[in-house]
Structures are given as structure tokens and as C-alpha cells.
N, C-alpha and C. Protein backbone atom coordinates (compact mmCIF):
# COMPACT_ATOMS: atom_id res chain seq x y z
N UNK A 1 47.19 -1.27 -1.21
CA UNK A 1 45.98 -1.50 -1.11
C UNK A 1 45.86 -3.32 -1.44
N UNK A 2 44.78 -3.94 -0.32
CA UNK A 2 44.56 -5.08 -0.37
C UNK A 2 43.33 -5.80 -1.35
N UNK A 3 43.76 -6.63 -1.90
CA UNK A 3 42.40 -7.21 -2.42
C UNK A 3 41.96 -8.16 -1.85
N UNK A 4 40.43 -8.45 -2.27
CA UNK A 4 39.59 -9.48 -1.68
C UNK A 4 40.46 -10.99 -1.07
N UNK A 5 41.57 -11.35 -2.44
CA UNK A 5 42.04 -12.80 -2.11
C UNK A 5 42.90 -12.41 -0.49
N UNK A 6 43.73 -11.60 -0.42
CA UNK A 6 44.53 -10.95 0.39
C UNK A 6 43.93 -10.65 1.94
N UNK A 7 42.65 -10.08 1.55
CA UNK A 7 41.82 -9.94 3.18
C UNK A 7 41.26 -11.27 3.48
N UNK A 8 41.00 -11.99 2.33
CA UNK A 8 40.56 -13.31 2.81
C UNK A 8 41.60 -13.96 3.54
N UNK A 9 43.10 -14.19 2.93
CA UNK A 9 43.93 -15.10 3.81
C UNK A 9 43.84 -14.29 5.15
N UNK A 10 43.72 -13.04 5.71
CA UNK A 10 44.16 -12.32 6.68
C UNK A 10 42.60 -12.76 7.83
N UNK A 11 41.55 -13.16 7.26
CA UNK A 11 40.56 -14.13 7.82
C UNK A 11 40.95 -15.17 8.34
N UNK A 12 41.46 -15.84 7.35
CA UNK A 12 41.78 -17.49 7.19
C UNK A 12 42.94 -17.37 8.04
N UNK A 13 43.82 -16.76 8.20
CA UNK A 13 45.33 -16.68 9.28
C UNK A 13 44.76 -16.52 10.52
N UNK A 14 43.75 -15.56 11.16
CA UNK A 14 43.30 -15.40 12.42
C UNK A 14 42.15 -16.67 12.82
N UNK A 15 41.42 -16.89 12.03
CA UNK A 15 40.90 -18.48 11.84
C UNK A 15 41.99 -19.52 12.53
N UNK A 16 42.72 -19.50 11.82
CA UNK A 16 43.93 -20.51 12.65
C UNK A 16 44.33 -20.41 13.62
N UNK A 17 44.67 -19.19 14.03
CA UNK A 17 44.84 -18.62 15.37
C UNK A 17 44.27 -19.06 16.35
N UNK A 18 43.06 -18.60 16.16
CA UNK A 18 41.64 -19.27 17.14
C UNK A 18 41.55 -20.72 17.05
N UNK A 19 42.13 -21.69 16.21
CA UNK A 19 42.19 -22.64 16.05
C UNK A 19 43.19 -23.35 17.27
N UNK A 20 44.32 -22.37 17.12
CA UNK A 20 45.09 -22.81 18.21
C UNK A 20 44.48 -22.68 19.47
N UNK A 21 44.17 -21.52 19.78
CA UNK A 21 43.58 -21.30 21.01
C UNK A 21 42.83 -22.55 21.33
N UNK A 22 41.60 -23.05 20.59
CA UNK A 22 40.81 -23.73 20.95
C UNK A 22 41.40 -25.11 20.87
N UNK A 23 42.20 -25.82 20.37
CA UNK A 23 43.19 -27.07 20.99
C UNK A 23 43.82 -26.94 22.12
N UNK A 24 44.51 -25.83 22.76
CA UNK A 24 44.95 -25.49 23.91
C UNK A 24 44.05 -25.66 24.69
N UNK A 25 42.79 -25.15 24.67
CA UNK A 25 41.78 -25.24 25.81
C UNK A 25 41.37 -26.67 26.13
N UNK A 26 40.80 -27.37 24.55
CA UNK A 26 40.56 -28.47 24.95
C UNK A 26 41.48 -29.73 25.55
N UNK A 27 42.91 -29.20 25.04
CA UNK A 27 43.70 -29.90 25.94
C UNK A 27 43.94 -29.84 27.56
N UNK A 28 43.84 -28.42 27.88
CA UNK A 28 43.47 -28.03 29.46
C UNK A 28 42.69 -28.94 29.74
N UNK A 29 41.18 -28.89 29.09
CA UNK A 29 40.77 -30.32 29.97
C UNK A 29 40.99 -31.47 30.03
N UNK A 30 41.80 -32.04 28.89
CA UNK A 30 41.64 -33.55 29.26
C UNK A 30 42.96 -33.53 30.27
N UNK A 31 44.13 -32.90 30.26
CA UNK A 31 45.30 -32.96 31.16
C UNK A 31 44.79 -32.52 32.37
N UNK A 32 43.95 -31.23 33.19
CA UNK A 32 43.61 -31.12 34.53
C UNK A 32 42.55 -31.95 35.11
N UNK A 33 43.09 -32.88 35.83
CA UNK A 33 41.88 -33.84 36.21
C UNK A 33 41.14 -33.11 38.21
N UNK A 34 42.20 -32.28 37.97
CA UNK A 34 41.70 -31.40 39.40
C UNK A 34 41.12 -29.96 39.13
N UNK A 35 40.41 -29.62 37.86
CA UNK A 35 39.40 -28.70 37.48
C UNK A 35 38.13 -28.46 38.47
N UNK A 36 37.40 -27.66 38.98
CA UNK A 36 36.64 -27.71 39.80
C UNK A 36 35.11 -27.56 38.72
N UNK A 37 33.97 -27.81 39.05
CA UNK A 37 33.00 -28.02 37.76
C UNK A 37 32.95 -26.40 37.42
N UNK A 38 33.02 -25.65 38.24
CA UNK A 38 32.95 -23.97 37.32
C UNK A 38 34.24 -24.08 36.57
N UNK A 39 35.38 -24.21 36.82
CA UNK A 39 36.55 -24.00 35.93
C UNK A 39 36.13 -24.81 34.51
N UNK A 40 35.83 -26.04 34.72
CA UNK A 40 35.36 -26.86 33.65
C UNK A 40 34.14 -26.23 32.94
N UNK A 41 33.37 -25.79 33.14
CA UNK A 41 32.27 -25.33 32.78
C UNK A 41 32.84 -23.93 31.82
N UNK A 42 33.78 -23.09 32.58
CA UNK A 42 34.50 -21.81 32.08
C UNK A 42 35.25 -22.12 30.97
N UNK A 43 35.62 -23.36 30.67
CA UNK A 43 36.91 -23.51 29.72
C UNK A 43 36.01 -23.78 28.62
N UNK A 44 34.67 -25.01 28.72
CA UNK A 44 34.07 -25.56 27.85
C UNK A 44 33.07 -24.05 27.19
N UNK A 45 32.80 -23.15 28.16
CA UNK A 45 32.29 -21.92 27.19
C UNK A 45 32.99 -21.22 26.63
N UNK A 46 34.02 -21.08 27.23
CA UNK A 46 35.28 -20.64 26.03
C UNK A 46 35.14 -21.17 24.93
N UNK A 47 35.43 -22.64 24.99
CA UNK A 47 35.86 -23.00 23.94
C UNK A 47 34.52 -22.85 22.62
N UNK A 48 33.01 -22.92 23.55
CA UNK A 48 32.19 -22.58 22.72
C UNK A 48 32.33 -21.40 21.70
N UNK A 49 32.63 -20.15 22.54
CA UNK A 49 32.80 -19.13 22.07
C UNK A 49 33.72 -18.80 20.93
N UNK A 50 34.88 -19.47 21.16
CA UNK A 50 36.15 -19.24 20.13
C UNK A 50 35.72 -20.46 18.97
N UNK A 51 34.51 -21.11 19.23
CA UNK A 51 34.45 -21.77 17.72
C UNK A 51 33.47 -21.34 16.94
N UNK A 52 32.67 -20.37 17.67
CA UNK A 52 32.06 -19.42 17.10
C UNK A 52 32.21 -18.29 16.26
N UNK A 53 33.75 -17.80 16.98
CA UNK A 53 34.64 -16.79 16.23
C UNK A 53 35.04 -17.54 15.11
N UNK A 54 35.42 -18.79 15.04
CA UNK A 54 36.22 -19.46 14.10
C UNK A 54 35.41 -19.53 13.08
N UNK A 55 34.38 -19.82 13.30
CA UNK A 55 33.33 -20.44 11.76
C UNK A 55 32.87 -18.66 11.49
N UNK A 56 32.77 -17.94 12.14
CA UNK A 56 32.57 -16.48 11.58
C UNK A 56 33.60 -15.77 10.53
N UNK A 57 35.01 -16.48 11.17
CA UNK A 57 36.40 -16.19 10.63
C UNK A 57 36.45 -16.84 8.96
N UNK A 58 35.82 -18.32 9.39
CA UNK A 58 36.36 -18.72 7.90
C UNK A 58 35.07 -18.55 7.42
N UNK A 59 33.78 -18.27 7.37
CA UNK A 59 32.85 -17.95 6.35
C UNK A 59 32.77 -16.34 6.10
N UNK A 60 33.28 -15.49 6.65
CA UNK A 60 34.08 -14.14 6.12
C UNK A 60 35.04 -14.54 4.81
N UNK A 61 36.16 -15.49 5.60
CA UNK A 61 37.16 -15.89 4.61
C UNK A 61 36.24 -16.33 3.06
N UNK A 62 35.71 -17.03 3.53
CA UNK A 62 34.87 -17.77 2.23
C UNK A 62 34.08 -16.82 1.38
N UNK A 63 33.35 -15.85 1.86
CA UNK A 63 32.79 -14.27 1.30
C UNK A 63 33.50 -14.08 0.28
N UNK A 64 34.72 -13.40 1.06
CA UNK A 64 35.97 -12.66 0.22
C UNK A 64 36.33 -13.35 -1.14
N UNK A 65 36.65 -14.72 -0.77
CA UNK A 65 37.04 -15.38 -1.82
C UNK A 65 36.26 -15.40 -3.03
N UNK A 66 34.97 -15.85 -2.50
CA UNK A 66 34.14 -15.78 -3.93
C UNK A 66 33.61 -14.24 -4.02
N UNK A 67 33.75 -13.15 -3.73
CA UNK A 67 33.57 -11.60 -3.82
C UNK A 67 35.17 -11.91 -4.79
N UNK A 68 36.30 -12.14 -4.59
CA UNK A 68 37.14 -12.04 -4.99
C UNK A 68 36.67 -12.70 -7.16
N UNK A 69 36.31 -13.77 -6.83
CA UNK A 69 36.01 -14.39 -8.54
C UNK A 69 35.32 -13.39 -9.05
N UNK A 70 34.26 -13.02 -8.29
CA UNK A 70 33.21 -12.09 -9.13
C UNK A 70 34.14 -11.00 -9.49
N UNK A 71 34.92 -10.42 -8.95
CA UNK A 71 35.93 -9.14 -9.18
C UNK A 71 36.43 -9.40 -10.42
N UNK A 72 37.32 -10.44 -10.02
CA UNK A 72 37.94 -10.98 -11.32
C UNK A 72 37.40 -10.92 -12.65
N UNK A 73 36.29 -11.11 -12.69
CA UNK A 73 34.92 -11.70 -13.97
C UNK A 73 34.77 -10.51 -14.39
N UNK A 74 34.91 -9.28 -13.48
CA UNK A 74 34.39 -8.06 -13.54
C UNK A 74 35.08 -7.33 -14.76
N UNK A 75 36.34 -7.52 -14.38
CA UNK A 75 37.51 -6.78 -15.02
C UNK A 75 38.15 -7.02 -16.05
């Protein structure tokens, strides 16, 4: 059975994976000089969406970490 801290670690790990994707897409924006305006917009929109996911994963990880502290104090 998974406790809150292990669960939070899973969220933080997934957040780091998403951060890697964001960095890769940002690098594509920098390197590719021959991108069309549509391709640039798509990449920028993707980055925004992945940032939202990243922040959500971080927030949930933080919430679970806080709950772990409460759970430890209650027992």
C-alpha cells in the first residue's frame, strides 16, 4: 500500500518528466529557424499546456506531502 509521501513522489517524478518535455519543446523553438508561424504557435501552445500539467502535478505533490504530515501527527 502506498502512503502519502510515496504518492507525492510519484507526482513529483511525473512533474520532472513533463519538465523534460517542456525543455525539449523550448529547444525546438530555439533551434528550428525554418518553422512556419503555425508550427511555432503549435509548439508555444504545447508548452503552455505542459506547463499547466507541470504545475498541477507539483500542486498535487505538495498537497499529498502536507497530508502526509497531518497523517503522521494523527497516528
